[in-house]
Amino acid sequence: MPELISSPVRVEAAGEPPKLIDEFAGRASNGEERLSVARMRSPAGWREPGQRPEFDEYTVVLAGALQVDTENDTLEVLAGEAVLVRAGEWVRYSTPAGAEYVAVCLPAFSPDTVHRDAD
């Protein structure tokens, strides 16, 4: 039977200035370990530390632009586009002009499996 998810759970975000993370499915919201689905609303100038997560992360940009720095390149992901960062790849996300996007992590995001840089 279908299960309504009537509201997400607010999850603490890394980086500055603060962004909003609302998780609809995942470890924090409903104990789901297979994947997490979260809506992000990120202000202009937001930047988080680099990381090397143990999960694949699909990100669909709904508005604005997401900057994705890798070890070898910088991608600008615009509204209507998506990016996949595979487990084990180093990445740093930022939103120089602000963005709204949805992130899907497989398996579910966990602070223990993100492996953020000390920066």
C-alpha atoms as a PDB file:
ATOM      1  CA  MET A   1       0.000   0.000   0.000  1.00  0.00           C
ATOM      2  CA  PRO A   2       1.331   3.500  -0.792  1.00  0.00           C
ATOM      3  CA  GLU A   3       2.698   5.413   2.175  1.00  0.00           C
ATOM      4  CA  LEU A   4       2.246   9.181   2.368  1.00  0.00           C
ATOM      5  CA  ILE A   5       5.273  11.152   3.529  1.00  0.00           C
ATOM      6  CA  SER A   6       3.429  14.201   4.820  1.00  0.00           C
ATOM      7  CA  SER A   7       6.470  16.219   5.829  1.00  0.00           C
ATOM      8  CA  PRO A   8      10.254  15.931   5.713  1.00  0.00           C
ATOM      9  CA  VAL A   9      12.687  16.018   8.630  1.00  0.00           C
ATOM     10  CA  ARG A  10      15.065  18.989   8.854  1.00  0.00           C
ATOM     11  CA  VAL A  11      18.680  17.752   8.857  1.00  0.00           C
ATOM     12  CA  GLU A  12      21.673  19.806  10.007  1.00  0.00           C
ATOM     13  CA  ALA A  13      23.776  21.005   7.081  1.00  0.00           C
ATOM     14  CA  ALA A  14      27.541  21.343   6.751  1.00  0.00           C
ATOM     15  CA  GLY A  15      29.058  24.467   5.265  1.00  0.00           C
ATOM     16  CA  GLU A  16      28.560  28.205   5.476  1.00  0.00           C
ATOM     17  CA  PRO A  17      26.383  30.181   5.287  1.00  0.00           C
ATOM     18  CA  PRO A  18      23.746  27.694   6.514  1.00  0.00           C
ATOM     19  CA  LYS A  19      21.539  25.920   3.986  1.00  0.00           C
ATOM     20  CA  LEU A  20      18.289  24.029   4.546  1.00  0.00           C
ATOM     21  CA  ILE A  21      18.089  20.252   4.126  1.00  0.00           C
ATOM     22  CA  ASP A  22      14.683  18.584   4.280  1.00  0.00           C
ATOM     23  CA  GLU A  23      14.919  14.785   4.115  1.00  0.00           C
ATOM     24  CA  PHE A  24      11.849  12.927   2.838  1.00  0.00           C
ATOM     25  CA  ALA A  25      13.376   9.448   3.010  1.00  0.00           C
ATOM     26  CA  GLY A  26      16.544   8.265   4.699  1.00  0.00           C
ATOM     27  CA  ARG A  27      18.164   7.421   7.990  1.00  0.00           C
ATOM     28  CA  ALA A  28      17.093  10.645   9.758  1.00  0.00           C
ATOM     29  CA  SER A  29      13.493  10.783   8.536  1.00  0.00           C
ATOM     30  CA  ASN A  30      12.206   7.208   8.438  1.00  0.00           C
ATOM     31  CA  GLY A  31      15.155   4.918   9.138  1.00  0.00           C
ATOM     32  CA  GLU A  32      15.548   3.981   5.462  1.00  0.00           C
ATOM     33  CA  GLU A  33      19.087   2.721   4.815  1.00  0.00           C
ATOM     34  CA  ARG A  34      18.827   1.890   1.089  1.00  0.00           C
ATOM     35  CA  LEU A  35      18.615   5.520  -0.058  1.00  0.00           C
ATOM     36  CA  SER A  36      17.982   9.063   1.043  1.00  0.00           C
ATOM     37  CA  VAL A  37      15.989  11.730  -0.778  1.00  0.00           C
ATOM     38  CA  ALA A  38      16.373  15.340   0.345  1.00  0.00           C
ATOM     39  CA  ARG A  39      15.458  18.811  -0.870  1.00  0.00           C
ATOM     40  CA  MET A  40      18.212  21.404  -0.446  1.00  0.00           C
ATOM     41  CA  ARG A  41      17.776  25.171  -0.406  1.00  0.00           C
ATOM     42  CA  SER A  42      21.171  26.763  -0.499  1.00  0.00           C
ATOM     43  CA  PRO A  43      21.904  30.511  -0.261  1.00  0.00           C
ATOM     44  CA  ALA A  44      24.314  32.456  -2.432  1.00  0.00           C
ATOM     45  CA  GLY A  45      27.871  31.964  -1.224  1.00  0.00           C
ATOM     46  CA  TRP A  46      27.254  28.591   0.464  1.00  0.00           C
ATOM     47  CA  ARG A  47      30.213  26.203   0.385  1.00  0.00           C
ATOM     48  CA  GLU A  48      30.857  22.961   2.221  1.00  0.00           C
ATOM     49  CA  PRO A  49      34.130  21.158   2.901  1.00  0.00           C
ATOM     50  CA  GLY A  50      35.360  18.645   0.346  1.00  0.00           C
ATOM     51  CA  GLN A  51      34.362  15.048   0.975  1.00  0.00           C
ATOM     52  CA  ARG A  52      34.894  11.490  -0.234  1.00  0.00           C
ATOM     53  CA  PRO A  53      31.559   9.765   0.518  1.00  0.00           C
ATOM     54  CA  GLU A  54      30.857   6.039   0.584  1.00  0.00           C
ATOM     55  CA  PHE A  55      27.626   6.502  -1.413  1.00  0.00           C
ATOM     56  CA  ASP A  56      26.575   7.501  -4.930  1.00  0.00           C
ATOM     57  CA  GLU A  57      24.866  10.907  -5.004  1.00  0.00           C
ATOM     58  CA  TYR A  58      22.503  11.987  -7.760  1.00  0.00           C
ATOM     59  CA  THR A  59      21.690  15.713  -7.665  1.00  0.00           C
ATOM     60  CA  VAL A  60      18.919  17.343  -9.724  1.00  0.00           C
ATOM     61  CA  VAL A  61      19.049  21.148  -9.786  1.00  0.00           C
ATOM     62  CA  LEU A  62      15.586  22.732  -9.696  1.00  0.00           C
ATOM     63  CA  ALA A  63      16.610  26.414  -9.597  1.00  0.00           C
ATOM     64  CA  GLY A  64      19.880  28.332  -9.682  1.00  0.00           C
ATOM     65  CA  ALA A  65      23.193  26.540 -10.156  1.00  0.00           C
ATOM     66  CA  LEU A  66      25.290  24.058  -8.205  1.00  0.00           C
ATOM     67  CA  GLN A  67      29.074  24.155  -8.520  1.00  0.00           C
ATOM     68  CA  VAL A  68      30.717  20.734  -8.264  1.00  0.00           C
ATOM     69  CA  ASP A  69      34.487  20.685  -7.760  1.00  0.00           C
ATOM     70  CA  THR A  70      36.259  17.356  -8.324  1.00  0.00           C
ATOM     71  CA  GLU A  71      39.924  16.416  -8.172  1.00  0.00           C
ATOM     72  CA  ASN A  72      40.272  17.181 -11.903  1.00  0.00           C
ATOM     73  CA  ASP A  73      37.460  19.530 -12.925  1.00  0.00           C
ATOM     74  CA  THR A  74      34.758  22.004 -11.951  1.00  0.00           C
ATOM     75  CA  LEU A  75      31.215  21.496 -13.220  1.00  0.00           C
ATOM     76  CA  GLU A  76      28.396  24.029 -13.180  1.00  0.00           C
ATOM     77  CA  VAL A  77      25.083  22.184 -12.952  1.00  0.00           C
ATOM     78  CA  LEU A  78      22.194  24.433 -13.998  1.00  0.00           C
ATOM     79  CA  ALA A  79      18.442  24.249 -13.357  1.00  0.00           C
ATOM     80  CA  GLY A  80      17.043  21.322 -15.318  1.00  0.00           C
ATOM     81  CA  GLU A  81      20.348  19.420 -15.221  1.00  0.00           C
ATOM     82  CA  ALA A  82      21.678  16.706 -12.934  1.00  0.00           C
ATOM     83  CA  VAL A  83      25.011  15.295 -11.836  1.00  0.00           C
ATOM     84  CA  LEU A  84      26.108  11.913 -10.477  1.00  0.00           C
ATOM     85  CA  VAL A  85      29.067  11.701  -8.111  1.00  0.00           C
ATOM     86  CA  ARG A  86      30.063   8.092  -7.482  1.00  0.00           C
ATOM     87  CA  ALA A  87      31.089   6.644  -4.135  1.00  0.00           C
ATOM     88  CA  GLY A  88      34.775   7.173  -3.383  1.00  0.00           C
ATOM     89  CA  GLU A  89      35.173  10.251  -5.603  1.00  0.00           C
ATOM     90  CA  TRP A  90      36.378  13.464  -3.933  1.00  0.00           C
ATOM     91  CA  VAL A  91      33.870  16.308  -4.363  1.00  0.00           C
ATOM     92  CA  ARG A  92      33.103  19.762  -2.983  1.00  0.00           C
ATOM     93  CA  TYR A  93      29.699  21.375  -3.537  1.00  0.00           C
ATOM     94  CA  SER A  94      28.950  25.115  -3.507  1.00  0.00           C
ATOM     95  CA  THR A  95      26.313  27.559  -4.695  1.00  0.00           C
ATOM     96  CA  PRO A  96      27.955  30.877  -5.613  1.00  0.00           C
ATOM     97  CA  ALA A  97      24.585  32.389  -6.641  1.00  0.00           C
ATOM     98  CA  GLY A  98      22.230  30.110  -4.645  1.00  0.00           C
ATOM     99  CA  ALA A  99      20.288  27.024  -5.697  1.00  0.00           C
ATOM    100  CA  GLU A 100      17.457  24.658  -4.927  1.00  0.00           C
ATOM    101  CA  TYR A 101      18.047  20.994  -5.669  1.00  0.00           C
ATOM    102  CA  VAL A 102      17.144  17.420  -4.775  1.00  0.00           C
ATOM    103  CA  ALA A 103      19.817  14.926  -3.737  1.00  0.00           C
ATOM    104  CA  VAL A 104      19.367  11.155  -3.837  1.00  0.00           C
ATOM    105  CA  CYS A 105      22.042   9.082  -2.072  1.00  0.00           C
ATOM    106  CA  LEU A 106      22.521   5.315  -2.512  1.00  0.00           C
ATOM    107  CA  PRO A 107      22.860   3.910   0.120  1.00  0.00           C
ATOM    108  CA  ALA A 108      21.356   6.510   2.436  1.00  0.00           C
ATOM    109  CA  PHE A 109      23.451   9.452   3.601  1.00  0.00           C
ATOM    110  CA  SER A 110      25.067   9.113   6.997  1.00  0.00           C
ATOM    111  CA  PRO A 111      27.452  11.560   8.702  1.00  0.00           C
ATOM    112  CA  ASP A 112      29.697   8.536   9.337  1.00  0.00           C
ATOM    113  CA  THR A 113      30.043   7.748   5.616  1.00  0.00           C
ATOM    114  CA  VAL A 114      30.617  11.252   4.192  1.00  0.00           C
ATOM    115  CA  HIS A 115      34.302  11.648   5.168  1.00  0.00           C
ATOM    116  CA  ARG A 116      34.533  15.457   5.005  1.00  0.00           C
ATOM    117  CA  ASP A 117      37.877  17.252   4.762  1.00  0.00           C
ATOM    118  CA  ALA A 118      39.048  19.055   7.889  1.00  0.00           C
ATOM    119  CA  ASP A 119      38.756  22.489   6.198  1.00  0.00           C
END
